[in-house]
Amino acid sequence: MKALPSEKHLQKRQKLIRPVLEGFGAWVEETNAKYTANESLKTAHIYTTNQRKYLETFLEDGRIPISSNDFEASIRPFATRRKSWLFADSLAGARASGIVYILVETAKLNHLDVFGYLCYLLESLPDLDHRNHPELPEAYLPWSETLPESCRLRDHRTNKKCMFR
């Protein structure tokens, strides 16, 4: 379904997924009405009942992904590294770490070899006359088509080689 336009996503979801979720909702209500000593099940039922309208949001707009896995995977490195950032010696150091993080993640999203891209930036930008020519940095952005081949991944399906040369 990924190749389908959002309108078709919505139609398929309404046809295929809505009945399943309605059946699940009915089961939750029916099971919740019965006595159960299982506290975990009670907690799950209460959560499902309270969050149902939010859990079903993807049924109202075909552009909303069913799963948040892609988003969660993209922020995982940030979440796991933030404890390390507590040790930035200054506000400027923390800001610099954030900038590098943004460069790395944006390079990944644009299928660049992160190590090659960062090397290219560090070699090229110091000589750039950006104050007199503010349009020049545009060519160094991760989505620029003028980046050299050394910045591009040979196989854009994986970023594993990025930081390991």
N, C-alpha and C. Protein backbone atom coordinates (compact mmCIF):
# COMPACT_ATOMS: atom_id res chain seq x y z
N MET A 1 0.81 -1.21 0.00
CA MET A 1 0.00 0.00 0.00
C MET A 1 0.84 1.27 0.00
N LYS A 2 2.16 1.16 0.27
CA LYS A 2 2.99 2.36 0.37
C LYS A 2 2.97 3.20 -0.89
N ALA A 3 2.83 2.57 -2.03
CA ALA A 3 2.87 3.30 -3.30
C ALA A 3 1.54 4.00 -3.61
N LEU A 4 0.50 3.70 -2.87
CA LEU A 4 -0.81 4.29 -3.14
C LEU A 4 -0.90 5.72 -2.64
N PRO A 5 -1.70 6.56 -3.31
CA PRO A 5 -1.93 7.92 -2.81
C PRO A 5 -2.74 7.88 -1.50
N SER A 6 -2.70 8.97 -0.75
CA SER A 6 -3.33 8.99 0.58
C SER A 6 -4.83 8.72 0.54
N GLU A 7 -5.51 9.12 -0.54
CA GLU A 7 -6.96 8.86 -0.63
C GLU A 7 -7.23 7.35 -0.67
N LYS A 8 -6.39 6.63 -1.41
CA LYS A 8 -6.54 5.17 -1.51
C LYS A 8 -6.19 4.50 -0.17
N HIS A 9 -5.18 5.04 0.51
CA HIS A 9 -4.84 4.53 1.85
C HIS A 9 -6.06 4.60 2.74
N LEU A 10 -6.71 5.76 2.71
CA LEU A 10 -7.88 5.98 3.57
C LEU A 10 -9.00 5.00 3.22
N GLN A 11 -9.27 4.80 1.95
CA GLN A 11 -10.32 3.86 1.54
C GLN A 11 -10.00 2.44 2.00
N LYS A 12 -8.76 2.01 1.81
CA LYS A 12 -8.36 0.65 2.23
C LYS A 12 -8.46 0.50 3.74
N ARG A 13 -8.03 1.51 4.47
CA ARG A 13 -8.10 1.45 5.93
C ARG A 13 -9.55 1.36 6.40
N GLN A 14 -10.41 2.16 5.79
CA GLN A 14 -11.82 2.12 6.17
C GLN A 14 -12.41 0.74 5.91
N LYS A 15 -12.06 0.16 4.78
CA LYS A 15 -12.61 -1.13 4.38
C LYS A 15 -12.01 -2.30 5.17
N LEU A 16 -10.69 -2.29 5.35
CA LEU A 16 -10.02 -3.45 5.92
C LEU A 16 -9.75 -3.35 7.42
N ILE A 17 -9.38 -2.18 7.88
CA ILE A 17 -8.92 -2.05 9.26
C ILE A 17 -10.02 -1.62 10.23
N ARG A 18 -10.92 -0.74 9.79
CA ARG A 18 -11.96 -0.26 10.70
C ARG A 18 -12.78 -1.42 11.30
N PRO A 19 -13.21 -2.42 10.52
CA PRO A 19 -13.97 -3.53 11.12
C PRO A 19 -13.16 -4.29 12.18
N VAL A 20 -11.87 -4.45 11.95
CA VAL A 20 -11.02 -5.15 12.93
C VAL A 20 -10.96 -4.35 14.23
N LEU A 21 -10.76 -3.02 14.11
CA LEU A 21 -10.69 -2.18 15.31
C LEU A 21 -12.03 -2.11 16.04
N GLU A 22 -13.12 -2.09 15.29
CA GLU A 22 -14.43 -2.10 15.93
C GLU A 22 -14.66 -3.41 16.68
N GLY A 23 -14.24 -4.52 16.09
CA GLY A 23 -14.35 -5.81 16.77
C GLY A 23 -13.49 -5.85 18.02
N PHE A 24 -12.29 -5.30 17.92
CA PHE A 24 -11.39 -5.24 19.09
C PHE A 24 -12.01 -4.37 20.19
N GLY A 25 -12.59 -3.22 19.78
CA GLY A 25 -13.24 -2.33 20.76
C GLY A 25 -14.40 -3.01 21.46
N ALA A 26 -15.18 -3.77 20.70
CA ALA A 26 -16.30 -4.50 21.30
C ALA A 26 -15.78 -5.56 22.27
N TRP A 27 -14.72 -6.24 21.90
CA TRP A 27 -14.13 -7.25 22.79
C TRP A 27 -13.63 -6.60 24.09
N VAL A 28 -12.99 -5.44 23.97
CA VAL A 28 -12.49 -4.73 25.16
C VAL A 28 -13.66 -4.39 26.08
N GLU A 29 -14.72 -3.83 25.52
CA GLU A 29 -15.88 -3.46 26.33
C GLU A 29 -16.51 -4.68 26.99
N GLU A 30 -16.66 -5.75 26.22
CA GLU A 30 -17.26 -6.99 26.75
C GLU A 30 -16.39 -7.59 27.86
N THR A 31 -15.11 -7.66 27.62
CA THR A 31 -14.19 -8.24 28.60
C THR A 31 -14.06 -7.35 29.82
N ASN A 32 -14.11 -6.05 29.62
CA ASN A 32 -13.99 -5.10 30.71
C ASN A 32 -15.19 -5.20 31.65
N ALA A 33 -16.35 -5.55 31.09
CA ALA A 33 -17.57 -5.66 31.89
C ALA A 33 -17.52 -6.87 32.82
N LYS A 34 -16.73 -7.86 32.46
CA LYS A 34 -16.60 -9.06 33.29
C LYS A 34 -15.58 -8.82 34.40
N TYR A 35 -15.71 -9.52 35.47
CA TYR A 35 -14.75 -9.41 36.56
C TYR A 35 -13.47 -10.13 36.19
N THR A 36 -12.36 -9.47 36.45
CA THR A 36 -11.07 -10.11 36.24
C THR A 36 -10.11 -9.68 37.34
N ALA A 37 -9.33 -10.62 37.82
CA ALA A 37 -8.35 -10.31 38.87
C ALA A 37 -7.01 -9.91 38.26
N ASN A 38 -6.90 -9.98 36.95
CA ASN A 38 -5.65 -9.67 36.28
C ASN A 38 -5.50 -8.15 36.16
N GLU A 39 -4.63 -7.58 36.99
CA GLU A 39 -4.45 -6.12 37.02
C GLU A 39 -3.86 -5.59 35.71
N SER A 40 -2.97 -6.36 35.10
CA SER A 40 -2.38 -5.92 33.82
C SER A 40 -3.44 -5.81 32.74
N LEU A 41 -4.37 -6.77 32.71
CA LEU A 41 -5.45 -6.73 31.73
C LEU A 41 -6.36 -5.54 31.99
N LYS A 42 -6.69 -5.28 33.26
CA LYS A 42 -7.52 -4.12 33.60
C LYS A 42 -6.86 -2.83 33.14
N THR A 43 -5.56 -2.71 33.42
CA THR A 43 -4.82 -1.51 33.03
C THR A 43 -4.83 -1.34 31.52
N ALA A 44 -4.63 -2.42 30.78
CA ALA A 44 -4.64 -2.37 29.32
C ALA A 44 -6.02 -1.95 28.80
N HIS A 45 -7.07 -2.48 29.40
CA HIS A 45 -8.43 -2.12 28.99
C HIS A 45 -8.71 -0.65 29.23
N ILE A 46 -8.33 -0.16 30.40
CA ILE A 46 -8.57 1.25 30.73
C ILE A 46 -7.80 2.14 29.75
N TYR A 47 -6.54 1.79 29.49
CA TYR A 47 -5.73 2.57 28.55
C TYR A 47 -6.38 2.57 27.16
N THR A 48 -6.77 1.40 26.69
CA THR A 48 -7.37 1.28 25.36
C THR A 48 -8.65 2.09 25.27
N THR A 49 -9.49 2.01 26.29
CA THR A 49 -10.75 2.75 26.29
C THR A 49 -10.50 4.26 26.29
N ASN A 50 -9.58 4.72 27.13
CA ASN A 50 -9.30 6.15 27.24
C ASN A 50 -8.59 6.72 26.01
N GLN A 51 -7.80 5.90 25.33
CA GLN A 51 -7.00 6.38 24.21
C GLN A 51 -7.57 5.99 22.85
N ARG A 52 -8.73 5.39 22.83
CA ARG A 52 -9.25 4.84 21.58
C ARG A 52 -9.34 5.85 20.45
N LYS A 53 -9.83 7.05 20.73
CA LYS A 53 -9.96 8.04 19.64
C LYS A 53 -8.59 8.42 19.08
N TYR A 54 -7.55 8.42 19.93
CA TYR A 54 -6.20 8.73 19.45
C TYR A 54 -5.59 7.55 18.70
N LEU A 55 -5.88 6.34 19.17
CA LEU A 55 -5.36 5.14 18.52
C LEU A 55 -5.95 4.95 17.12
N GLU A 56 -7.12 5.53 16.87
CA GLU A 56 -7.79 5.35 15.58
C GLU A 56 -7.66 6.56 14.66
N THR A 57 -6.83 7.52 15.01
CA THR A 57 -6.67 8.73 14.20
C THR A 57 -6.27 8.41 12.77
N PHE A 58 -5.45 7.40 12.58
CA PHE A 58 -4.97 7.06 11.24
C PHE A 58 -6.10 6.61 10.31
N LEU A 59 -7.29 6.33 10.87
CA LEU A 59 -8.44 5.95 10.04
C LEU A 59 -9.13 7.16 9.42
N GLU A 60 -8.76 8.36 9.87
CA GLU A 60 -9.42 9.57 9.39
C GLU A 60 -8.61 10.33 8.34
N ASP A 61 -7.32 9.98 8.20
CA ASP A 61 -6.46 10.68 7.26
C ASP A 61 -5.46 9.69 6.68
N GLY A 62 -5.49 9.50 5.38
CA GLY A 62 -4.62 8.53 4.73
C GLY A 62 -3.14 8.89 4.75
N ARG A 63 -2.82 10.15 5.09
CA ARG A 63 -1.42 10.56 5.14
C ARG A 63 -0.75 10.15 6.45
N ILE A 64 -1.52 9.85 7.46
CA ILE A 64 -0.96 9.48 8.76
C ILE A 64 -0.50 8.03 8.71
N PRO A 65 0.76 7.77 9.07
CA PRO A 65 1.23 6.38 9.03
C PRO A 65 0.56 5.55 10.12
N ILE A 66 0.36 4.28 9.83
CA ILE A 66 -0.25 3.37 10.81
C ILE A 66 0.69 3.18 11.99
N SER A 67 1.96 3.14 11.71
CA SER A 67 2.96 2.88 12.74
C SER A 67 3.87 4.09 12.90
N SER A 68 4.35 4.30 14.11
CA SER A 68 5.31 5.38 14.36
C SER A 68 6.74 4.85 14.39
N ASN A 69 6.95 3.64 13.91
CA ASN A 69 8.28 3.02 13.96
C ASN A 69 9.35 3.86 13.29
N ASP A 70 9.07 4.41 12.10
CA ASP A 70 10.07 5.20 11.39
C ASP A 70 10.46 6.44 12.19
N PHE A 71 9.47 7.11 12.75
CA PHE A 71 9.74 8.29 13.56
C PHE A 71 10.54 7.93 14.80
N GLU A 72 10.12 6.87 15.49
CA GLU A 72 10.81 6.46 16.71
C GLU A 72 12.25 6.06 16.42
N ALA A 73 12.48 5.40 15.30
CA ALA A 73 13.84 5.00 14.94
C ALA A 73 14.71 6.22 14.66
N SER A 74 14.12 7.27 14.10
CA SER A 74 14.92 8.46 13.79
C SER A 74 15.28 9.26 15.04
N ILE A 75 14.46 9.20 16.09
CA ILE A 75 14.80 9.95 17.30
C ILE A 75 15.52 9.11 18.35
N ARG A 76 15.60 7.80 18.15
CA ARG A 76 16.25 6.93 19.13
C ARG A 76 17.69 7.35 19.42
N PRO A 77 18.52 7.64 18.39
CA PRO A 77 19.89 8.07 18.70
C PRO A 77 19.93 9.32 19.58
N PHE A 78 19.02 10.24 19.33
CA PHE A 78 18.97 11.46 20.13
C PHE A 78 18.66 11.12 21.58
N ALA A 79 17.66 10.27 21.78
CA ALA A 79 17.25 9.92 23.15
C ALA A 79 18.35 9.16 23.88
N THR A 80 19.06 8.28 23.20
CA THR A 80 20.09 7.50 23.87
C THR A 80 21.35 8.31 24.14
N ARG A 81 21.58 9.35 23.37
CA ARG A 81 22.79 10.15 23.55
C ARG A 81 22.59 11.36 24.44
N ARG A 82 21.37 11.70 24.77
CA ARG A 82 21.16 12.94 25.51
C ARG A 82 21.80 12.92 26.89
N LYS A 83 21.94 11.73 27.50
CA LYS A 83 22.64 11.67 28.78
C LYS A 83 24.10 12.08 28.62
N SER A 84 24.70 11.72 27.51
CA SER A 84 26.08 12.12 27.25
C SER A 84 26.19 13.63 27.11
N TRP A 85 25.16 14.24 26.57
CA TRP A 85 25.21 15.68 26.33
C TRP A 85 25.11 16.48 27.62
N LEU A 86 24.74 15.83 28.72
CA LEU A 86 24.70 16.54 30.00
C LEU A 86 26.10 17.00 30.40
N PHE A 87 27.10 16.37 29.81
CA PHE A 87 28.46 16.68 30.19
C PHE A 87 29.10 17.72 29.27
N ALA A 88 28.31 18.37 28.42
CA ALA A 88 28.85 19.46 27.61
C ALA A 88 29.31 20.55 28.59
N ASP A 89 30.51 21.03 28.39
CA ASP A 89 31.09 21.97 29.34
C ASP A 89 30.41 23.33 29.36
N SER A 90 29.75 23.68 28.27
CA SER A 90 29.15 25.01 28.19
C SER A 90 27.92 24.97 27.30
N LEU A 91 27.20 26.06 27.31
CA LEU A 91 26.04 26.18 26.43
C LEU A 91 26.48 26.13 24.97
N ALA A 92 27.61 26.73 24.69
CA ALA A 92 28.14 26.72 23.31
C ALA A 92 28.50 25.28 22.90
N GLY A 93 29.06 24.49 23.83
CA GLY A 93 29.38 23.10 23.54
C GLY A 93 28.14 22.27 23.27
N ALA A 94 27.09 22.51 24.05
CA ALA A 94 25.82 21.81 23.85
C ALA A 94 25.22 22.20 22.51
N ARG A 95 25.31 23.47 22.16
CA ARG A 95 24.78 23.95 20.87
C ARG A 95 25.55 23.30 19.72
N ALA A 96 26.87 23.24 19.84
CA ALA A 96 27.70 22.62 18.80
C ALA A 96 27.35 21.14 18.64
N SER A 97 27.12 20.44 19.76
CA SER A 97 26.73 19.03 19.70
C SER A 97 25.40 18.88 18.97
N GLY A 98 24.47 19.77 19.25
CA GLY A 98 23.17 19.74 18.58
C GLY A 98 23.29 19.96 17.09
N ILE A 99 24.16 20.88 16.69
CA ILE A 99 24.36 21.17 15.27
C ILE A 99 24.95 19.95 14.57
N VAL A 100 25.94 19.33 15.19
CA VAL A 100 26.55 18.14 14.59
C VAL A 100 25.51 17.03 14.49
N TYR A 101 24.70 16.86 15.53
CA TYR A 101 23.65 15.84 15.50
C TYR A 101 22.70 16.08 14.33
N ILE A 102 22.28 17.32 14.14
CA ILE A 102 21.37 17.66 13.05
C ILE A 102 22.02 17.36 11.70
N LEU A 103 23.29 17.71 11.56
CA LEU A 103 24.01 17.42 10.30
C LEU A 103 24.05 15.93 10.02
N VAL A 104 24.36 15.14 11.04
CA VAL A 104 24.46 13.69 10.87
C VAL A 104 23.11 13.09 10.48
N GLU A 105 22.06 13.43 11.22
CA GLU A 105 20.75 12.85 10.94
C GLU A 105 20.19 13.30 9.59
N THR A 106 20.43 14.56 9.22
CA THR A 106 19.96 15.05 7.92
C THR A 106 20.73 14.38 6.79
N ALA A 107 22.03 14.15 7.01
CA ALA A 107 22.82 13.44 6.01
C ALA A 107 22.28 12.02 5.81
N LYS A 108 21.94 11.36 6.91
CA LYS A 108 21.38 10.00 6.81
C LYS A 108 20.07 10.02 6.01
N LEU A 109 19.21 10.98 6.32
CA LEU A 109 17.92 11.05 5.62
C LEU A 109 18.09 11.30 4.13
N ASN A 110 19.19 11.94 3.76
CA ASN A 110 19.45 12.23 2.35
C ASN A 110 20.39 11.21 1.70
N HIS A 111 20.54 10.06 2.37
CA HIS A 111 21.32 8.94 1.84
C HIS A 111 22.77 9.31 1.55
N LEU A 112 23.37 10.04 2.48
CA LEU A 112 24.78 10.40 2.33
C LEU A 112 25.65 9.52 3.21
N ASP A 113 26.89 9.38 2.82
CA ASP A 113 27.89 8.74 3.67
C ASP A 113 28.25 9.80 4.70
N VAL A 114 27.83 9.62 5.92
CA VAL A 114 27.97 10.66 6.95
C VAL A 114 29.43 11.06 7.14
N PHE A 115 30.30 10.08 7.25
CA PHE A 115 31.72 10.38 7.45
C PHE A 115 32.27 11.18 6.27
N GLY A 116 31.98 10.73 5.06
CA GLY A 116 32.44 11.43 3.86
C GLY A 116 31.88 12.84 3.78
N TYR A 117 30.62 13.00 4.13
CA TYR A 117 29.98 14.31 4.08
C TYR A 117 30.60 15.25 5.11
N LEU A 118 30.79 14.79 6.34
CA LEU A 118 31.39 15.64 7.37
C LEU A 118 32.83 16.01 7.00
N CYS A 119 33.59 15.06 6.44
CA CYS A 119 34.96 15.37 5.98
C CYS A 119 34.92 16.46 4.91
N TYR A 120 34.00 16.31 3.98
CA TYR A 120 33.86 17.30 2.90
C TYR A 120 33.55 18.68 3.47
N LEU A 121 32.62 18.75 4.42
CA LEU A 121 32.27 20.04 5.03
C LEU A 121 33.46 20.65 5.76
N LEU A 122 34.16 19.82 6.54
CA LEU A 122 35.28 20.34 7.32
C LEU A 122 36.46 20.77 6.44
N GLU A 123 36.59 20.17 5.28
CA GLU A 123 37.65 20.55 4.35
C GLU A 123 37.26 21.78 3.52
N SER A 124 35.99 21.92 3.19
CA SER A 124 35.56 22.95 2.25
C SER A 124 35.07 24.24 2.90
N LEU A 125 34.34 24.14 3.98
CA LEU A 125 33.69 25.33 4.54
C LEU A 125 34.63 26.38 5.11
N PRO A 126 35.78 26.02 5.68
CA PRO A 126 36.65 27.08 6.22
C PRO A 126 37.09 28.11 5.17
N ASP A 127 37.19 27.69 3.92
CA ASP A 127 37.63 28.60 2.85
C ASP A 127 36.46 29.30 2.16
N LEU A 128 35.25 29.03 2.59
CA LEU A 128 34.06 29.58 1.92
C LEU A 128 33.85 31.04 2.33
N ASP A 129 33.68 31.90 1.37
CA ASP A 129 33.47 33.33 1.63
C ASP A 129 31.96 33.59 1.76
N HIS A 130 31.36 33.01 2.80
CA HIS A 130 29.90 33.09 2.96
C HIS A 130 29.41 34.48 3.38
N ARG A 131 30.27 35.28 3.96
CA ARG A 131 29.83 36.64 4.36
C ARG A 131 29.58 37.52 3.14
N ASN A 132 30.44 37.42 2.16
CA ASN A 132 30.27 38.23 0.94
C ASN A 132 29.36 37.56 -0.08
N HIS A 133 29.20 36.23 0.06
CA HIS A 133 28.36 35.48 -0.88
C HIS A 133 27.45 34.54 -0.07
N PRO A 134 26.37 35.06 0.52
CA PRO A 134 25.51 34.24 1.39
C PRO A 134 24.80 33.09 0.67
N GLU A 135 24.83 33.07 -0.65
CA GLU A 135 24.19 31.99 -1.40
C GLU A 135 25.07 30.74 -1.48
N LEU A 136 26.35 30.87 -1.21
CA LEU A 136 27.29 29.75 -1.36
C LEU A 136 27.00 28.54 -0.47
N PRO A 137 26.64 28.71 0.80
CA PRO A 137 26.40 27.52 1.65
C PRO A 137 25.29 26.60 1.13
N GLU A 138 24.42 27.12 0.30
CA GLU A 138 23.32 26.32 -0.26
C GLU A 138 23.84 25.06 -0.94
N ALA A 139 24.99 25.14 -1.58
CA ALA A 139 25.57 24.00 -2.31
C ALA A 139 26.11 22.91 -1.38
N TYR A 140 26.22 23.21 -0.09
CA TYR A 140 26.79 22.26 0.87
C TYR A 140 25.72 21.56 1.71
N LEU A 141 24.48 21.89 1.49
CA LEU A 141 23.39 21.27 2.26
C LEU A 141 23.22 19.81 1.83
N PRO A 142 22.75 18.95 2.72
CA PRO A 142 22.70 17.51 2.42
C PRO A 142 21.87 17.13 1.20
N TRP A 143 20.93 17.94 0.81
CA TRP A 143 20.08 17.61 -0.32
C TRP A 143 20.59 18.23 -1.63
N SER A 144 21.73 18.91 -1.57
CA SER A 144 22.28 19.55 -2.76
C SER A 144 22.71 18.48 -3.77
N GLU A 145 22.36 18.70 -5.02
CA GLU A 145 22.74 17.76 -6.08
C GLU A 145 24.17 17.97 -6.54
N THR A 146 24.81 19.04 -6.06
CA THR A 146 26.18 19.33 -6.48
C THR A 146 27.23 18.75 -5.54
N LEU A 147 26.82 18.00 -4.52
CA LEU A 147 27.78 17.38 -3.61
C LEU A 147 28.62 16.36 -4.37
N PRO A 148 29.89 16.22 -4.02
CA PRO A 148 30.74 15.24 -4.73
C PRO A 148 30.32 13.81 -4.44
N GLU A 149 30.74 12.92 -5.29
CA GLU A 149 30.40 11.50 -5.16
C GLU A 149 30.91 10.91 -3.85
N SER A 150 31.99 11.46 -3.29
CA SER A 150 32.55 10.95 -2.03
C SER A 150 31.58 11.11 -0.86
N CYS A 151 30.57 11.93 -1.02
CA CYS A 151 29.57 12.14 0.04
C CYS A 151 28.39 11.17 -0.08
N ARG A 152 28.28 10.50 -1.17
CA ARG A 152 27.11 9.65 -1.42
C ARG A 152 27.37 8.21 -1.00
N LEU A 153 26.33 7.56 -0.52
CA LEU A 153 26.41 6.13 -0.18
C LEU A 153 26.38 5.33 -1.47
N ARG A 154 27.13 4.26 -1.51
CA ARG A 154 27.07 3.37 -2.66
C ARG A 154 25.75 2.62 -2.67
N ASP A 155 25.29 2.23 -1.48
CA ASP A 155 24.02 1.50 -1.34
C ASP A 155 23.19 2.28 -0.33
N HIS A 156 22.23 3.10 -0.81
CA HIS A 156 21.49 3.98 0.09
C HIS A 156 20.50 3.25 0.99
N ARG A 157 20.39 1.92 0.87
CA ARG A 157 19.46 1.19 1.73
C ARG A 157 20.03 0.97 3.12
N THR A 158 21.30 1.20 3.28
CA THR A 158 21.91 1.02 4.59
C THR A 158 22.85 2.17 4.90
N ASN A 159 22.88 2.57 6.14
CA ASN A 159 23.79 3.61 6.58
C ASN A 159 24.87 3.04 7.48
N LYS A 160 25.00 1.71 7.52
CA LYS A 160 25.91 1.09 8.47
C LYS A 160 27.36 1.49 8.25
N LYS A 161 27.76 1.72 7.01
CA LYS A 161 29.15 2.04 6.75
C LYS A 161 29.47 3.51 7.06
N CYS A 162 28.47 4.31 7.32
CA CYS A 162 28.65 5.75 7.42
C CYS A 162 29.76 6.18 8.36
N MET A 163 29.73 5.72 9.58
CA MET A 163 30.68 6.18 10.55
C MET A 163 31.89 5.26 10.67
N PHE A 164 31.92 4.20 9.89
CA PHE A 164 32.99 3.22 9.99
C PHE A 164 33.67 3.07 8.64
N ARG A 165 34.77 3.73 8.45
CA ARG A 165 35.50 3.62 7.18
C ARG A 165 36.66 2.70 7.34
